[in-house]
PDB file of N, CA and C in Angstrom:
ATOM      1  N   MET A   1     -60.839  30.358  48.220  1.00  0.00           N
ATOM      2  CA  MET A   1     -61.925  31.457  47.479  1.00  0.00           C
ATOM      3  C   MET A   1     -62.039  33.092  48.392  1.00  0.00           C
ATOM      4  N   MET A   2     -62.389  32.386  49.323  1.00  0.00           N
ATOM      5  CA  MET A   2     -62.560  33.816  50.517  1.00  0.00           C
ATOM      6  C   MET A   2     -61.159  34.526  50.960  1.00  0.00           C
ATOM      7  N   ASP A   3     -59.955  33.443  50.897  1.00  0.00           N
ATOM      8  CA  ASP A   3     -58.765  34.016  51.314  1.00  0.00           C
ATOM      9  C   ASP A   3     -58.148  34.709  50.303  1.00  0.00           C
ATOM     10  N   ASP A   4     -58.333  34.135  48.890  1.00  0.00           N
ATOM     11  CA  ASP A   4     -57.926  35.289  48.084  1.00  0.00           C
ATOM     12  C   ASP A   4     -58.691  36.501  47.721  1.00  0.00           C
ATOM     13  N   ASP A   5     -60.209  36.459  48.070  1.00  0.00           N
ATOM     14  CA  ASP A   5     -60.787  37.657  48.595  1.00  0.00           C
ATOM     15  C   ASP A   5     -60.295  38.534  49.043  1.00  0.00           C
ATOM     16  N   LEU A   6     -60.049  38.098  50.707  1.00  0.00           N
ATOM     17  CA  LEU A   6     -59.665  38.739  51.690  1.00  0.00           C
ATOM     18  C   LEU A   6     -58.244  39.330  51.674  1.00  0.00           C
ATOM     19  N   SER A   7     -57.321  38.616  50.969  1.00  0.00           N
ATOM     20  CA  SER A   7     -56.047  39.158  50.219  1.00  0.00           C
ATOM     21  C   SER A   7     -56.252  40.548  49.196  1.00  0.00           C
ATOM     22  N   ARG A   8     -57.186  40.351  48.460  1.00  0.00           N
ATOM     23  CA  ARG A   8     -57.226  41.103  47.509  1.00  0.00           C
ATOM     24  C   ARG A   8     -57.836  42.564  48.250  1.00  0.00           C
ATOM     25  N   VAL A   9     -58.551  42.462  48.861  1.00  0.00           N
ATOM     26  CA  VAL A   9     -59.039  43.587  49.905  1.00  0.00           C
ATOM     27  C   VAL A   9     -58.076  43.993  50.225  1.00  0.00           C
ATOM     28  N   GLN A  10     -57.129  43.561  51.302  1.00  0.00           N
ATOM     29  CA  GLN A  10     -56.023  44.325  52.104  1.00  0.00           C
ATOM     30  C   GLN A  10     -55.022  44.639  51.010  1.00  0.00           C
ATOM     31  N   ASP A  11     -54.883  44.120  50.354  1.00  0.00           N
ATOM     32  CA  ASP A  11     -53.490  44.576  49.193  1.00  0.00           C
ATOM     33  C   ASP A  11     -54.164  46.120  48.924  1.00  0.00           C
ATOM     34  N   SER A  12     -55.757  46.241  48.521  1.00  0.00           N
ATOM     35  CA  SER A  12     -55.967  47.648  47.926  1.00  0.00           C
ATOM     36  C   SER A  12     -56.300  48.423  49.158  1.00  0.00           C
ATOM     37  N   LEU A  13     -56.132  48.125  50.204  1.00  0.00           N
ATOM     38  CA  LEU A  13     -56.233  48.706  51.738  1.00  0.00           C
ATOM     39  C   LEU A  13     -55.220  49.072  52.276  1.00  0.00           C
ATOM     40  N   ASN A  14     -53.719  48.318  52.154  1.00  0.00           N
ATOM     41  CA  ASN A  14     -52.674  48.618  52.094  1.00  0.00           C
ATOM     42  C   ASN A  14     -51.991  49.500  51.401  1.00  0.00           C
ATOM     43  N   ILE A  15     -52.082  49.814  50.188  1.00  0.00           N
ATOM     44  CA  ILE A  15     -51.943  50.698  49.063  1.00  0.00           C
ATOM     45  C   ILE A  15     -52.554  52.038  49.236  1.00  0.00           C
ATOM     46  N   LEU A  16     -53.810  52.525  49.485  1.00  0.00           N
ATOM     47  CA  LEU A  16     -54.490  53.273  49.434  1.00  0.00           C
ATOM     48  C   LEU A  16     -54.369  53.963  51.133  1.00  0.00           C
ATOM     49  N   SER A  17     -53.942  53.028  52.201  1.00  0.00           N
ATOM     50  CA  SER A  17     -53.885  54.289  53.210  1.00  0.00           C
ATOM     51  C   SER A  17     -52.525  54.263  53.473  1.00  0.00           C
ATOM     52  N   GLU A  18     -51.751  54.213  52.707  1.00  0.00           N
ATOM     53  CA  GLU A  18     -50.029  55.165  52.273  1.00  0.00           C
ATOM     54  C   GLU A  18     -50.780  56.727  51.862  1.00  0.00           C
ATOM     55  N   HIS A  19     -51.969  56.934  51.443  1.00  0.00           N
ATOM     56  CA  HIS A  19     -52.639  58.231  50.809  1.00  0.00           C
ATOM     57  C   HIS A  19     -54.009  58.675  51.541  1.00  0.00           C
ATOM     58  N   PHE A  20     -54.451  57.967  51.977  1.00  0.00           N
ATOM     59  CA  PHE A  20     -55.566  58.109  53.046  1.00  0.00           C
ATOM     60  C   PHE A  20     -55.015  58.095  54.639  1.00  0.00           C
ATOM     61  N   ASP A  21     -55.903  58.848  55.469  1.00  0.00           N
ATOM     62  CA  ASP A  21     -56.113  58.804  56.856  1.00  0.00           C
ATOM     63  C   ASP A  21     -56.922  57.689  57.537  1.00  0.00           C
ATOM     64  N   SER A  22     -57.953  57.203  56.537  1.00  0.00           N
ATOM     65  CA  SER A  22     -59.043  55.986  56.874  1.00  0.00           C
ATOM     66  C   SER A  22     -59.587  55.897  55.616  1.00  0.00           C
ATOM     67  N   VAL A  23     -59.645  54.354  55.479  1.00  0.00           N
ATOM     68  CA  VAL A  23     -60.105  53.482  54.136  1.00  0.00           C
ATOM     69  C   VAL A  23     -60.704  52.297  54.826  1.00  0.00           C
ATOM     70  N   HIS A  24     -62.343  51.912  54.365  1.00  0.00           N
ATOM     71  CA  HIS A  24     -63.330  50.971  54.035  1.00  0.00           C
ATOM     72  C   HIS A  24     -63.803  50.551  53.231  1.00  0.00           C
ATOM     73  N   ILE A  25     -63.492  48.987  52.600  1.00  0.00           N
ATOM     74  CA  ILE A  25     -64.011  48.231  51.313  1.00  0.00           C
ATOM     75  C   ILE A  25     -64.982  48.098  51.806  1.00  0.00           C
ATOM     76  N   PHE A  26     -66.024  47.921  50.716  1.00  0.00           N
ATOM     77  CA  PHE A  26     -67.180  46.880  50.844  1.00  0.00           C
ATOM     78  C   PHE A  26     -67.282  46.286  49.551  1.00  0.00           C
ATOM     79  N   ALA A  27     -67.194  44.949  49.662  1.00  0.00           N
ATOM     80  CA  ALA A  27     -67.445  44.169  47.815  1.00  0.00           C
ATOM     81  C   ALA A  27     -68.285  42.765  48.576  1.00  0.00           C
ATOM     82  N   THR A  28     -68.864  42.809  47.181  1.00  0.00           N
ATOM     83  CA  THR A  28     -70.078  41.631  47.027  1.00  0.00           C
ATOM     84  C   THR A  28     -69.627  41.046  45.550  1.00  0.00           C
ATOM     85  N   ARG A  29     -70.143  39.921  45.456  1.00  0.00           N
ATOM     86  CA  ARG A  29     -70.195  39.335  44.607  1.00  0.00           C
ATOM     87  C   ARG A  29     -70.740  37.790  44.303  1.00  0.00           C
ATOM     88  N   HIS A  30     -71.517  37.967  43.626  1.00  0.00           N
ATOM     89  CA  HIS A  30     -72.911  36.977  43.328  1.00  0.00           C
ATOM     90  C   HIS A  30     -72.421  35.640  43.153  1.00  0.00           C
ATOM     91  N   GLU A  31     -72.570  34.456  43.920  1.00  0.00           N
ATOM     92  CA  GLU A  31     -72.255  33.286  43.821  1.00  0.00           C
ATOM     93  C   GLU A  31     -72.978  32.182  43.978  1.00  0.00           C
ATOM     94  N   PRO A  32     -73.814  31.581  42.553  1.00  0.00           N
ATOM     95  CA  PRO A  32     -75.303  31.063  42.706  1.00  0.00           C
ATOM     96  C   PRO A  32     -75.302  29.713  43.224  1.00  0.00           C
ATOM     97  N   GLU A  33     -73.933  29.390  43.302  1.00  0.00           N
ATOM     98  CA  GLU A  33     -73.517  27.369  44.450  1.00  0.00           C
ATOM     99  C   GLU A  33     -73.548  28.019  45.557  1.00  0.00           C
ATOM    100  N   ILE A  34     -73.520  28.879  46.358  1.00  0.00           N
ATOM    101  CA  ILE A  34     -73.408  29.004  48.022  1.00  0.00           C
ATOM    102  C   ILE A  34     -74.725  29.265  48.259  1.00  0.00           C
ATOM    103  N   GLU A  35     -74.784  28.809  49.636  1.00  0.00           N
ATOM    104  CA  GLU A  35     -76.374  28.829  49.871  1.00  0.00           C
ATOM    105  C   GLU A  35     -77.265  30.474  49.939  1.00  0.00           C
ATOM    106  N   ASP A  36     -76.531  31.639  50.469  1.00  0.00           N
ATOM    107  CA  ASP A  36     -77.597  32.685  49.768  1.00  0.00           C
ATOM    108  C   ASP A  36     -76.884  33.383  48.945  1.00  0.00           C
ATOM    109  N   GLY A  37     -76.120  32.843  48.147  1.00  0.00           N
ATOM    110  CA  GLY A  37     -75.759  33.761  46.896  1.00  0.00           C
ATOM    111  C   GLY A  37     -75.034  34.623  46.534  1.00  0.00           C
ATOM    112  N   THR A  38     -73.611  35.338  47.712  1.00  0.00           N
ATOM    113  CA  THR A  38     -73.545  36.525  47.814  1.00  0.00           C
ATOM    114  C   THR A  38     -72.057  36.128  48.678  1.00  0.00           C
ATOM    115  N   VAL A  39     -71.123  36.629  48.147  1.00  0.00           N
ATOM    116  CA  VAL A  39     -69.658  36.366  48.637  1.00  0.00           C
ATOM    117  C   VAL A  39     -69.608  37.681  49.206  1.00  0.00           C
ATOM    118  N   SER A  40     -69.834  38.347  50.527  1.00  0.00           N
ATOM    119  CA  SER A  40     -69.633  39.869  51.094  1.00  0.00           C
ATOM    120  C   SER A  40     -68.115  39.722  51.720  1.00  0.00           C
ATOM    121  N   VAL A  41     -67.094  40.954  51.193  1.00  0.00           N
ATOM    122  CA  VAL A  41     -66.138  41.089  52.054  1.00  0.00           C
ATOM    123  C   VAL A  41     -66.199  42.944  52.789  1.00  0.00           C
ATOM    124  N   ASN A  42     -65.486  42.968  53.862  1.00  0.00           N
ATOM    125  CA  ASN A  42     -65.030  44.551  54.519  1.00  0.00           C
ATOM    126  C   ASN A  42     -64.380  44.431  55.079  1.00  0.00           C
ATOM    127  N   ARG A  43     -63.525  45.239  54.773  1.00  0.00           N
ATOM    128  CA  ARG A  43     -62.318  45.415  55.975  1.00  0.00           C
ATOM    129  C   ARG A  43     -61.909  47.123  55.973  1.00  0.00           C
ATOM    130  N   GLY A  44     -61.242  47.395  56.903  1.00  0.00           N
ATOM    131  CA  GLY A  44     -61.091  48.923  56.634  1.00  0.00           C
ATOM    132  C   GLY A  44     -59.819  48.975  57.832  1.00  0.00           C
ATOM    133  N   VAL A  45     -58.886  50.169  57.609  1.00  0.00           N
ATOM    134  CA  VAL A  45     -58.350  50.931  58.123  1.00  0.00           C
ATOM    135  C   VAL A  45     -58.263  52.273  58.457  1.00  0.00           C
ATOM    136  N   GLY A  46     -57.426  52.630  59.679  1.00  0.00           N
ATOM    137  CA  GLY A  46     -57.239  53.928  59.808  1.00  0.00           C
ATOM    138  C   GLY A  46     -58.703  54.127  61.359  1.00  0.00           C
ATOM    139  N   ASN A  47     -58.543  55.611  61.558  1.00  0.00           N
ATOM    140  CA  ASN A  47     -59.753  55.986  62.526  1.00  0.00           C
ATOM    141  C   ASN A  47     -60.925  55.343  62.104  1.00  0.00           C
ATOM    142  N   TRP A  48     -61.555  54.331  63.039  1.00  0.00           N
ATOM    143  CA  TRP A  48     -62.813  53.843  63.080  1.00  0.00           C
ATOM    144  C   TRP A  48     -63.952  54.877  63.203  1.00  0.00           C
ATOM    145  N   TYR A  49     -63.766  55.698  63.750  1.00  0.00           N
ATOM    146  CA  TYR A  49     -65.024  56.961  64.198  1.00  0.00           C
ATOM    147  C   TYR A  49     -64.936  57.487  62.816  1.00  0.00           C
ATOM    148  N   ALA A  50     -63.792  58.097  61.810  1.00  0.00           N
ATOM    149  CA  ALA A  50     -63.461  58.764  60.786  1.00  0.00           C
ATOM    150  C   ALA A  50     -64.553  57.764  59.542  1.00  0.00           C
ATOM    151  N   ARG A  51     -64.336  56.559  59.770  1.00  0.00           N
ATOM    152  CA  ARG A  51     -64.996  55.503  59.029  1.00  0.00           C
ATOM    153  C   ARG A  51     -66.251  55.518  59.084  1.00  0.00           C
ATOM    154  N   TYR A  52     -67.003  55.284  60.448  1.00  0.00           N
ATOM    155  CA  TYR A  52     -67.879  55.343  60.621  1.00  0.00           C
ATOM    156  C   TYR A  52     -68.891  56.507  60.399  1.00  0.00           C
ATOM    157  N   GLY A  53     -68.238  57.623  60.321  1.00  0.00           N
ATOM    158  CA  GLY A  53     -68.855  58.992  60.079  1.00  0.00           C
ATOM    159  C   GLY A  53     -68.829  58.981  58.497  1.00  0.00           C
ATOM    160  N   GLN A  54     -67.761  58.639  58.008  1.00  0.00           N
ATOM    161  CA  GLN A  54     -67.982  58.685  56.674  1.00  0.00           C
ATOM    162  C   GLN A  54     -69.438  57.850  56.078  1.00  0.00           C
ATOM    163  N   ILE A  55     -69.145  56.821  56.199  1.00  0.00           N
ATOM    164  CA  ILE A  55     -70.461  55.625  55.855  1.00  0.00           C
ATOM    165  C   ILE A  55     -71.756  56.318  56.336  1.00  0.00           C
ATOM    166  N   SER A  56     -72.199  56.824  57.454  1.00  0.00           N
ATOM    167  CA  SER A  56     -73.067  57.235  57.914  1.00  0.00           C
ATOM    168  C   SER A  56     -73.713  58.512  56.978  1.00  0.00           C
ATOM    169  N   GLU A  57     -72.921  59.606  56.991  1.00  0.00           N
ATOM    170  CA  GLU A  57     -73.060  60.777  56.013  1.00  0.00           C
ATOM    171  C   GLU A  57     -73.529  59.935  54.676  1.00  0.00           C
ATOM    172  N   TRP A  58     -72.753  58.871  54.009  1.00  0.00           N
ATOM    173  CA  TRP A  58     -72.791  58.398  52.695  1.00  0.00           C
ATOM    174  C   TRP A  58     -74.473  58.377  52.583  1.00  0.00           C
ATOM    175  N   MET A  59     -74.812  57.193  54.198  1.00  0.00           N
ATOM    176  CA  MET A  59     -76.280  56.384  53.561  1.00  0.00           C
ATOM    177  C   MET A  59     -77.400  57.716  54.065  1.00  0.00           C
ATOM    178  N   VAL A  60     -77.015  58.849  54.913  1.00  0.00           N
ATOM    179  CA  VAL A  60     -78.006  59.838  54.915  1.00  0.00           C
ATOM    180  C   VAL A  60     -78.303  60.506  53.652  1.00  0.00           C
ATOM    181  N   LYS A  61     -77.170  60.369  52.765  1.00  0.00           N
ATOM    182  CA  LYS A  61     -77.119  61.627  51.500  1.00  0.00           C
ATOM    183  C   LYS A  61     -77.901  60.815  50.383  1.00  0.00           C
ATOM    184  N   GLN A  62     -77.623  59.812  50.513  1.00  0.00           N
ATOM    185  CA  GLN A  62     -78.052  58.553  49.333  1.00  0.00           C
ATOM    186  C   GLN A  62     -79.662  58.184  49.960  1.00  0.00           C
ATOM    187  N   ASP A  63     -80.307  58.577  51.189  1.00  0.00           N
ATOM    188  CA  ASP A  63     -81.776  58.248  51.211  1.00  0.00           C
ATOM    189  C   ASP A  63     -82.172  59.459  50.826  1.00  0.00           C
ATOM    190  N   GLU A  64     -81.634  60.880  50.783  1.00  0.00           N
ATOM    191  CA  GLU A  64     -82.162  62.141  50.823  1.00  0.00           C
ATOM    192  C   GLU A  64     -82.002  61.956  49.072  1.00  0.00           C
ATOM    193  N   PHE A  65     -81.156  61.745  48.582  1.00  0.00           N
ATOM    194  CA  PHE A  65     -81.301  61.862  47.256  1.00  0.00           C
ATOM    195  C   PHE A  65     -82.235  60.886  46.634  1.00  0.00           C
ATOM    196  N   ASN A  66     -82.460  59.278  47.066  1.00  0.00           N
ATOM    197  CA  ASN A  66     -83.629  58.407  46.782  1.00  0.00           C
ATOM    198  C   ASN A  66     -85.217  58.961  46.595  1.00  0.00           C
ATOM    199  N   ARG A  67     -85.480  60.159  48.233  1.00  0.00           N
ATOM    200  CA  ARG A  67     -86.450  60.437  48.539  1.00  0.00           C
ATOM    201  C   ARG A  67     -86.753  61.628  47.725  1.00  0.00           C
ATOM    202  N   ILE A  68     -85.740  62.503  47.209  1.00  0.00           N
ATOM    203  CA  ILE A  68     -85.972  63.683  46.109  1.00  0.00           C
ATOM    204  C   ILE A  68     -86.553  63.020  44.790  1.00  0.00           C
ATOM    205  N   ASN A  69     -85.708  62.093  43.922  1.00  0.00           N
ATOM    206  CA  ASN A  69     -85.840  61.418  43.046  1.00  0.00           C
ATOM    207  C   ASN A  69     -87.416  61.006  43.212  1.00  0.00           C
ATOM    208  N   CYS A  70     -87.876  60.232  44.269  1.00  0.00           N
ATOM    209  CA  CYS A  70     -88.582  59.304  44.010  1.00  0.00           C
ATOM    210  C   CYS A  70     -90.102  60.389  43.642  1.00  0.00           C
ATOM    211  N   ARG A  71     -89.875  61.841  44.148  1.00  0.00           N
ATOM    212  CA  ARG A  71     -91.190  62.789  44.205  1.00  0.00           C
ATOM    213  C   ARG A  71     -91.037  63.137  42.843  1.00  0.00           C
ATOM    214  N   GLU A  72     -90.291  63.171  41.907  1.00  0.00           N
ATOM    215  CA  GLU A  72     -90.063  63.511  40.303  1.00  0.00           C
ATOM    216  C   GLU A  72     -90.571  62.922  39.720  1.00  0.00           C
TER     217      GLU A  72
END
């Protein structure tokens, strides 16, 4: 099962990386029969610093969005 998951993510990375300089995919799925209940896969290609910066920026924006919405 996990090899199929990695293969699907890698296939998507290969397609996307033809059009983008850096790509990172995070995917999860609930699996009640496994110990912690979650299958998690993440893979990336391209400039690691660009991916890290984009993920960090997204996290900051999401935190701010949540703070604003909680006040309203």
